[in-house]
PDB file of N, CA and C in Angstrom:
ATOM      1  N   MET A   1       0.826  -1.191   0.000  1.00  0.00           N
ATOM      2  CA  MET A   1       0.000   0.000   0.000  1.00  0.00           C
ATOM      3  C   MET A   1       0.871   1.255   0.000  1.00  0.00           C
ATOM      4  N   ASP A   2       0.364   2.319  -0.595  1.00  0.00           N
ATOM      5  CA  ASP A   2       1.114   3.561  -0.544  1.00  0.00           C
ATOM      6  C   ASP A   2       0.892   4.238   0.805  1.00  0.00           C
ATOM      7  N   SER A   3       1.686   5.256   1.095  1.00  0.00           N
ATOM      8  CA  SER A   3       1.651   5.872   2.422  1.00  0.00           C
ATOM      9  C   SER A   3       0.326   6.571   2.688  1.00  0.00           C
ATOM     10  N   LYS A   4      -0.311   7.135   1.647  1.00  0.00           N
ATOM     11  CA  LYS A   4      -1.591   7.811   1.851  1.00  0.00           C
ATOM     12  C   LYS A   4      -2.657   6.807   2.265  1.00  0.00           C
ATOM     13  N   ALA A   5      -2.692   5.662   1.601  1.00  0.00           N
ATOM     14  CA  ALA A   5      -3.665   4.638   1.958  1.00  0.00           C
ATOM     15  C   ALA A   5      -3.397   4.109   3.360  1.00  0.00           C
ATOM     16  N   GLU A   6      -2.116   3.951   3.701  1.00  0.00           N
ATOM     17  CA  GLU A   6      -1.780   3.500   5.049  1.00  0.00           C
ATOM     18  C   GLU A   6      -2.214   4.528   6.081  1.00  0.00           C
ATOM     19  N   HIS A   7      -2.018   5.814   5.773  1.00  0.00           N
ATOM     20  CA  HIS A   7      -2.406   6.873   6.697  1.00  0.00           C
ATOM     21  C   HIS A   7      -3.923   6.887   6.882  1.00  0.00           C
ATOM     22  N   GLU A   8      -4.678   6.771   5.785  1.00  0.00           N
ATOM     23  CA  GLU A   8      -6.131   6.750   5.882  1.00  0.00           C
ATOM     24  C   GLU A   8      -6.598   5.542   6.671  1.00  0.00           C
ATOM     25  N   HIS A   9      -5.970   4.396   6.429  1.00  0.00           N
ATOM     26  CA  HIS A   9      -6.336   3.182   7.151  1.00  0.00           C
ATOM     27  C   HIS A   9      -6.030   3.348   8.637  1.00  0.00           C
ATOM     28  N   ALA A  10      -4.887   3.936   8.943  1.00  0.00           N
ATOM     29  CA  ALA A  10      -4.503   4.133  10.339  1.00  0.00           C
ATOM     30  C   ALA A  10      -5.442   5.110  11.027  1.00  0.00           C
ATOM     31  N   SER A  11      -5.807   6.184  10.356  1.00  0.00           N
ATOM     32  CA  SER A  11      -6.678   7.161  10.993  1.00  0.00           C
ATOM     33  C   SER A  11      -8.085   6.601  11.183  1.00  0.00           C
ATOM     34  N   LEU A  12      -8.556   5.765  10.267  1.00  0.00           N
ATOM     35  CA  LEU A  12      -9.848   5.121  10.463  1.00  0.00           C
ATOM     36  C   LEU A  12      -9.798   4.144  11.622  1.00  0.00           C
ATOM     37  N   ALA A  13      -8.701   3.415  11.731  1.00  0.00           N
ATOM     38  CA  ALA A  13      -8.544   2.481  12.844  1.00  0.00           C
ATOM     39  C   ALA A  13      -8.451   3.241  14.158  1.00  0.00           C
ATOM     40  N   ASP A  14      -7.710   4.354  14.161  1.00  0.00           N
ATOM     41  CA  ASP A  14      -7.592   5.159  15.377  1.00  0.00           C
ATOM     42  C   ASP A  14      -8.948   5.720  15.786  1.00  0.00           C
ATOM     43  N   THR A  15      -9.714   6.188  14.824  1.00  0.00           N
ATOM     44  CA  THR A  15     -11.022   6.751  15.113  1.00  0.00           C
ATOM     45  C   THR A  15     -11.949   5.694  15.695  1.00  0.00           C
ATOM     46  N   SER A  16     -11.969   4.524  15.088  1.00  0.00           N
ATOM     47  CA  SER A  16     -12.848   3.479  15.613  1.00  0.00           C
ATOM     48  C   SER A  16     -12.389   3.034  16.996  1.00  0.00           C
ATOM     49  N   LEU A  17     -11.073   3.008  17.238  1.00  0.00           N
ATOM     50  CA  LEU A  17     -10.550   2.648  18.553  1.00  0.00           C
ATOM     51  C   LEU A  17     -10.991   3.675  19.591  1.00  0.00           C
ATOM     52  N   VAL A  18     -10.928   4.948  19.249  1.00  0.00           N
ATOM     53  CA  VAL A  18     -11.351   5.999  20.173  1.00  0.00           C
ATOM     54  C   VAL A  18     -12.840   5.884  20.455  1.00  0.00           C
ATOM     55  N   LEU A  19     -13.632   5.659  19.412  1.00  0.00           N
ATOM     56  CA  LEU A  19     -15.078   5.550  19.604  1.00  0.00           C
ATOM     57  C   LEU A  19     -15.447   4.353  20.468  1.00  0.00           C
ATOM     58  N   GLU A  20     -14.696   3.273  20.330  1.00  0.00           N
ATOM     59  CA  GLU A  20     -14.970   2.088  21.139  1.00  0.00           C
ATOM     60  C   GLU A  20     -14.486   2.261  22.568  1.00  0.00           C
ATOM     61  N   THR A  21     -13.420   3.027  22.776  1.00  0.00           N
ATOM     62  CA  THR A  21     -12.807   3.154  24.098  1.00  0.00           C
ATOM     63  C   THR A  21     -13.534   4.157  24.980  1.00  0.00           C
ATOM     64  N   LEU A  22     -13.895   5.315  24.413  1.00  0.00           N
ATOM     65  CA  LEU A  22     -14.522   6.363  25.215  1.00  0.00           C
ATOM     66  C   LEU A  22     -15.979   6.040  25.491  1.00  0.00           C
ATOM     67  N   GLU A  23     -16.411   6.422  26.697  1.00  0.00           N
ATOM     68  CA  GLU A  23     -17.830   6.336  27.008  1.00  0.00           C
ATOM     69  C   GLU A  23     -18.528   7.510  26.337  1.00  0.00           C
ATOM     70  N   HIS A  24     -19.844   7.443  26.274  1.00  0.00           N
ATOM     71  CA  HIS A  24     -20.613   8.457  25.548  1.00  0.00           C
ATOM     72  C   HIS A  24     -20.346   9.857  26.107  1.00  0.00           C
ATOM     73  N   ASP A  25     -20.372  10.011  27.423  1.00  0.00           N
ATOM     74  CA  ASP A  25     -20.149  11.333  28.023  1.00  0.00           C
ATOM     75  C   ASP A  25     -18.752  11.853  27.732  1.00  0.00           C
ATOM     76  N   GLN A  26     -17.770  10.979  27.746  1.00  0.00           N
ATOM     77  CA  GLN A  26     -16.398  11.390  27.445  1.00  0.00           C
ATOM     78  C   GLN A  26     -16.272  11.830  25.992  1.00  0.00           C
ATOM     79  N   LEU A  27     -16.933  11.117  25.100  1.00  0.00           N
ATOM     80  CA  LEU A  27     -16.890  11.459  23.681  1.00  0.00           C
ATOM     81  C   LEU A  27     -17.538  12.811  23.428  1.00  0.00           C
ATOM     82  N   VAL A  28     -18.683  13.045  24.085  1.00  0.00           N
ATOM     83  CA  VAL A  28     -19.386  14.322  23.922  1.00  0.00           C
ATOM     84  C   VAL A  28     -18.527  15.474  24.430  1.00  0.00           C
ATOM     85  N   SER A  29     -17.896  15.308  25.585  1.00  0.00           N
ATOM     86  CA  SER A  29     -17.074  16.393  26.119  1.00  0.00           C
ATOM     87  C   SER A  29     -15.820  16.608  25.266  1.00  0.00           C
ATOM     88  N   ALA A  30     -15.282  15.549  24.677  1.00  0.00           N
ATOM     89  CA  ALA A  30     -14.113  15.691  23.807  1.00  0.00           C
ATOM     90  C   ALA A  30     -14.475  16.434  22.528  1.00  0.00           C
ATOM     91  N   LYS A  31     -15.678  16.231  22.033  1.00  0.00           N
ATOM     92  CA  LYS A  31     -16.100  16.913  20.808  1.00  0.00           C
ATOM     93  C   LYS A  31     -16.393  18.379  21.038  1.00  0.00           C
ATOM     94  N   ARG A  32     -16.687  18.756  22.283  1.00  0.00           N
ATOM     95  CA  ARG A  32     -17.018  20.152  22.583  1.00  0.00           C
ATOM     96  C   ARG A  32     -15.798  21.051  22.601  1.00  0.00           C
ATOM     97  N   GLU A  33     -14.617  20.477  22.780  1.00  0.00           N
ATOM     98  CA  GLU A  33     -13.405  21.289  22.819  1.00  0.00           C
ATOM     99  C   GLU A  33     -13.114  21.848  21.435  1.00  0.00           C
ATOM    100  N   PRO A  34     -12.958  23.174  21.326  1.00  0.00           N
ATOM    101  CA  PRO A  34     -12.701  23.754  20.003  1.00  0.00           C
ATOM    102  C   PRO A  34     -11.321  23.378  19.478  1.00  0.00           C
ATOM    103  N   VAL A  35     -11.255  23.237  18.181  1.00  0.00           N
ATOM    104  CA  VAL A  35      -9.983  22.958  17.521  1.00  0.00           C
ATOM    105  C   VAL A  35      -9.406  24.302  17.082  1.00  0.00           C
ATOM    106  N   PRO A  36      -8.183  24.626  17.481  1.00  0.00           N
ATOM    107  CA  PRO A  36      -7.621  25.931  17.107  1.00  0.00           C
ATOM    108  C   PRO A  36      -7.392  26.027  15.607  1.00  0.00           C
ATOM    109  N   ARG A  37      -7.450  27.266  15.120  1.00  0.00           N
ATOM    110  CA  ARG A  37      -7.193  27.503  13.702  1.00  0.00           C
ATOM    111  C   ARG A  37      -5.766  27.160  13.348  1.00  0.00           C
ATOM    112  N   ARG A  38      -5.595  26.670  12.141  1.00  0.00           N
ATOM    113  CA  ARG A  38      -4.255  26.330  11.666  1.00  0.00           C
ATOM    114  C   ARG A  38      -3.597  27.576  11.100  1.00  0.00           C
ATOM    115  N   ARG A  39      -2.350  27.781  11.416  1.00  0.00           N
ATOM    116  CA  ARG A  39      -1.596  28.895  10.863  1.00  0.00           C
ATOM    117  C   ARG A  39      -1.104  28.483   9.477  1.00  0.00           C
ATOM    118  N   LEU A  40      -1.561  29.202   8.462  1.00  0.00           N
ATOM    119  CA  LEU A  40      -1.191  28.869   7.091  1.00  0.00           C
ATOM    120  C   LEU A  40       0.150  29.495   6.740  1.00  0.00           C
ATOM    121  N   LYS A  41       0.895  28.776   5.918  1.00  0.00           N
ATOM    122  CA  LYS A  41       2.168  29.303   5.414  1.00  0.00           C
ATOM    123  C   LYS A  41       1.859  30.347   4.352  1.00  0.00           C
ATOM    124  N   ARG A  42       2.864  31.090   3.974  1.00  0.00           N
ATOM    125  CA  ARG A  42       2.672  32.183   3.013  1.00  0.00           C
ATOM    126  C   ARG A  42       2.122  31.679   1.674  1.00  0.00           C
ATOM    127  N   GLY A  43       2.653  30.559   1.177  1.00  0.00           N
ATOM    128  CA  GLY A  43       2.192  30.011  -0.097  1.00  0.00           C
ATOM    129  C   GLY A  43       0.760  29.508  -0.019  1.00  0.00           C
ATOM    130  N   GLU A  44       0.406  28.872   1.092  1.00  0.00           N
ATOM    131  CA  GLU A  44      -0.957  28.380   1.278  1.00  0.00           C
ATOM    132  C   GLU A  44      -1.943  29.539   1.366  1.00  0.00           C
ATOM    133  N   LEU A  45      -1.547  30.584   2.066  1.00  0.00           N
ATOM    134  CA  LEU A  45      -2.403  31.764   2.186  1.00  0.00           C
ATOM    135  C   LEU A  45      -2.599  32.438   0.830  1.00  0.00           C
ATOM    136  N   ALA A  46      -1.538  32.502   0.033  1.00  0.00           N
ATOM    137  CA  ALA A  46      -1.634  33.076  -1.310  1.00  0.00           C
ATOM    138  C   ALA A  46      -2.574  32.252  -2.174  1.00  0.00           C
ATOM    139  N   LEU A  47      -2.508  30.939  -2.049  1.00  0.00           N
ATOM    140  CA  LEU A  47      -3.397  30.070  -2.815  1.00  0.00           C
ATOM    141  C   LEU A  47      -4.852  30.276  -2.417  1.00  0.00           C
ATOM    142  N   VAL A  48      -5.114  30.390  -1.127  1.00  0.00           N
ATOM    143  CA  VAL A  48      -6.492  30.617  -0.656  1.00  0.00           C
ATOM    144  C   VAL A  48      -7.027  31.930  -1.204  1.00  0.00           C
ATOM    145  N   TRP A  49      -6.211  32.989  -1.152  1.00  0.00           N
ATOM    146  CA  TRP A  49      -6.664  34.281  -1.668  1.00  0.00           C
ATOM    147  C   TRP A  49      -6.842  34.255  -3.186  1.00  0.00           C
ATOM    148  N   ALA A  50      -5.990  33.520  -3.886  1.00  0.00           N
ATOM    149  CA  ALA A  50      -6.151  33.390  -5.336  1.00  0.00           C
ATOM    150  C   ALA A  50      -7.460  32.669  -5.663  1.00  0.00           C
ATOM    151  N   LEU A  51      -7.795  31.648  -4.901  1.00  0.00           N
ATOM    152  CA  LEU A  51      -9.058  30.940  -5.126  1.00  0.00           C
ATOM    153  C   LEU A  51     -10.256  31.827  -4.820  1.00  0.00           C
ATOM    154  N   ARG A  52     -10.142  32.649  -3.792  1.00  0.00           N
ATOM    155  CA  ARG A  52     -11.231  33.584  -3.475  1.00  0.00           C
ATOM    156  C   ARG A  52     -11.438  34.586  -4.609  1.00  0.00           C
ATOM    157  N   LEU A  53     -10.341  35.136  -5.111  1.00  0.00           N
ATOM    158  CA  LEU A  53     -10.439  36.095  -6.215  1.00  0.00           C
ATOM    159  C   LEU A  53     -11.014  35.430  -7.465  1.00  0.00           C
ATOM    160  N   TYR A  54     -10.592  34.195  -7.728  1.00  0.00           N
ATOM    161  CA  TYR A  54     -11.118  33.458  -8.873  1.00  0.00           C
ATOM    162  C   TYR A  54     -12.621  33.243  -8.720  1.00  0.00           C
ATOM    163  N   LEU A  55     -13.055  32.905  -7.517  1.00  0.00           N
ATOM    164  CA  LEU A  55     -14.481  32.694  -7.271  1.00  0.00           C
ATOM    165  C   LEU A  55     -15.277  33.969  -7.518  1.00  0.00           C
ATOM    166  N   VAL A  56     -14.791  35.095  -7.013  1.00  0.00           N
ATOM    167  CA  VAL A  56     -15.484  36.375  -7.236  1.00  0.00           C
ATOM    168  C   VAL A  56     -15.519  36.695  -8.718  1.00  0.00           C
ATOM    169  N   PHE A  57     -14.406  36.502  -9.416  1.00  0.00           N
ATOM    170  CA  PHE A  57     -14.356  36.764 -10.859  1.00  0.00           C
ATOM    171  C   PHE A  57     -15.368  35.892 -11.608  1.00  0.00           C
ATOM    172  N   MET A  58     -15.418  34.604 -11.277  1.00  0.00           N
ATOM    173  CA  MET A  58     -16.339  33.701 -11.965  1.00  0.00           C
ATOM    174  C   MET A  58     -17.795  34.039 -11.646  1.00  0.00           C
ATOM    175  N   LEU A  59     -18.081  34.478 -10.422  1.00  0.00           N
ATOM    176  CA  LEU A  59     -19.450  34.899 -10.095  1.00  0.00           C
ATOM    177  C   LEU A  59     -19.856  36.103 -10.934  1.00  0.00           C
ATOM    178  N   VAL A  60     -18.941  37.039 -11.114  1.00  0.00           N
ATOM    179  CA  VAL A  60     -19.223  38.204 -11.954  1.00  0.00           C
ATOM    180  C   VAL A  60     -19.482  37.761 -13.391  1.00  0.00           C
ATOM    181  N   VAL A  61     -18.684  36.845 -13.908  1.00  0.00           N
ATOM    182  CA  VAL A  61     -18.864  36.351 -15.271  1.00  0.00           C
ATOM    183  C   VAL A  61     -20.220  35.666 -15.425  1.00  0.00           C
ATOM    184  N   VAL A  62     -20.588  34.833 -14.473  1.00  0.00           N
ATOM    185  CA  VAL A  62     -21.868  34.111 -14.549  1.00  0.00           C
ATOM    186  C   VAL A  62     -23.035  35.086 -14.490  1.00  0.00           C
ATOM    187  N   PHE A  63     -22.981  36.037 -13.551  1.00  0.00           N
ATOM    188  CA  PHE A  63     -24.075  37.010 -13.469  1.00  0.00           C
ATOM    189  C   PHE A  63     -24.142  37.879 -14.722  1.00  0.00           C
ATOM    190  N   TRP A  64     -23.003  38.230 -15.267  1.00  0.00           N
ATOM    191  CA  TRP A  64     -22.984  39.026 -16.501  1.00  0.00           C
ATOM    192  C   TRP A  64     -23.621  38.249 -17.652  1.00  0.00           C
ATOM    193  N   GLN A  65     -23.264  36.989 -17.793  1.00  0.00           N
ATOM    194  CA  GLN A  65     -23.834  36.167 -18.859  1.00  0.00           C
ATOM    195  C   GLN A  65     -25.332  35.966 -18.661  1.00  0.00           C
ATOM    196  N   ALA A  66     -25.767  35.798 -17.425  1.00  0.00           N
ATOM    197  CA  ALA A  66     -27.205  35.672 -17.146  1.00  0.00           C
ATOM    198  C   ALA A  66     -27.916  36.976 -17.487  1.00  0.00           C
ATOM    199  N   TRP A  67     -27.320  38.101 -17.156  1.00  0.00           N
ATOM    200  CA  TRP A  67     -27.915  39.407 -17.450  1.00  0.00           C
ATOM    201  C   TRP A  67     -28.036  39.599 -18.980  1.00  0.00           C
ATOM    202  N   ILE A  68     -27.005  39.238 -19.698  1.00  0.00           N
ATOM    203  CA  ILE A  68     -27.026  39.353 -21.163  1.00  0.00           C
ATOM    204  C   ILE A  68     -28.090  38.421 -21.767  1.00  0.00           C
ATOM    205  N   ALA A  69     -28.227  37.214 -21.209  1.00  0.00           N
ATOM    206  CA  ALA A  69     -29.205  36.265 -21.735  1.00  0.00           C
ATOM    207  C   ALA A  69     -30.625  36.725 -21.494  1.00  0.00           C
ATOM    208  N   VAL A  70     -30.869  37.397 -20.394  1.00  0.00           N
ATOM    209  CA  VAL A  70     -32.219  37.878 -20.068  1.00  0.00           C
ATOM    210  C   VAL A  70     -32.602  39.061 -20.952  1.00  0.00           C
ATOM    211  N   ARG A  71     -31.633  39.892 -21.295  1.00  0.00           N
ATOM    212  CA  ARG A  71     -31.905  41.060 -22.122  1.00  0.00           C
ATOM    213  C   ARG A  71     -32.162  40.618 -23.507  1.00  0.00           C
TER     214      ARG A  71
END
């Protein structure tokens, strides 16, 4: 197996082990704890902003084409 498949298999096994080990109240309290935000690297942040700009641009294009089609 490749490492990604092994990682997915391991995380599924870990998850099922946790679900089997914890009692219901413990599981509920563990899920209530917030997960902190991940600090993105400069390249990752640039990619996110590029995708946001692309989304806004494509929304403008779609609305423009819809407006032209209605007229």
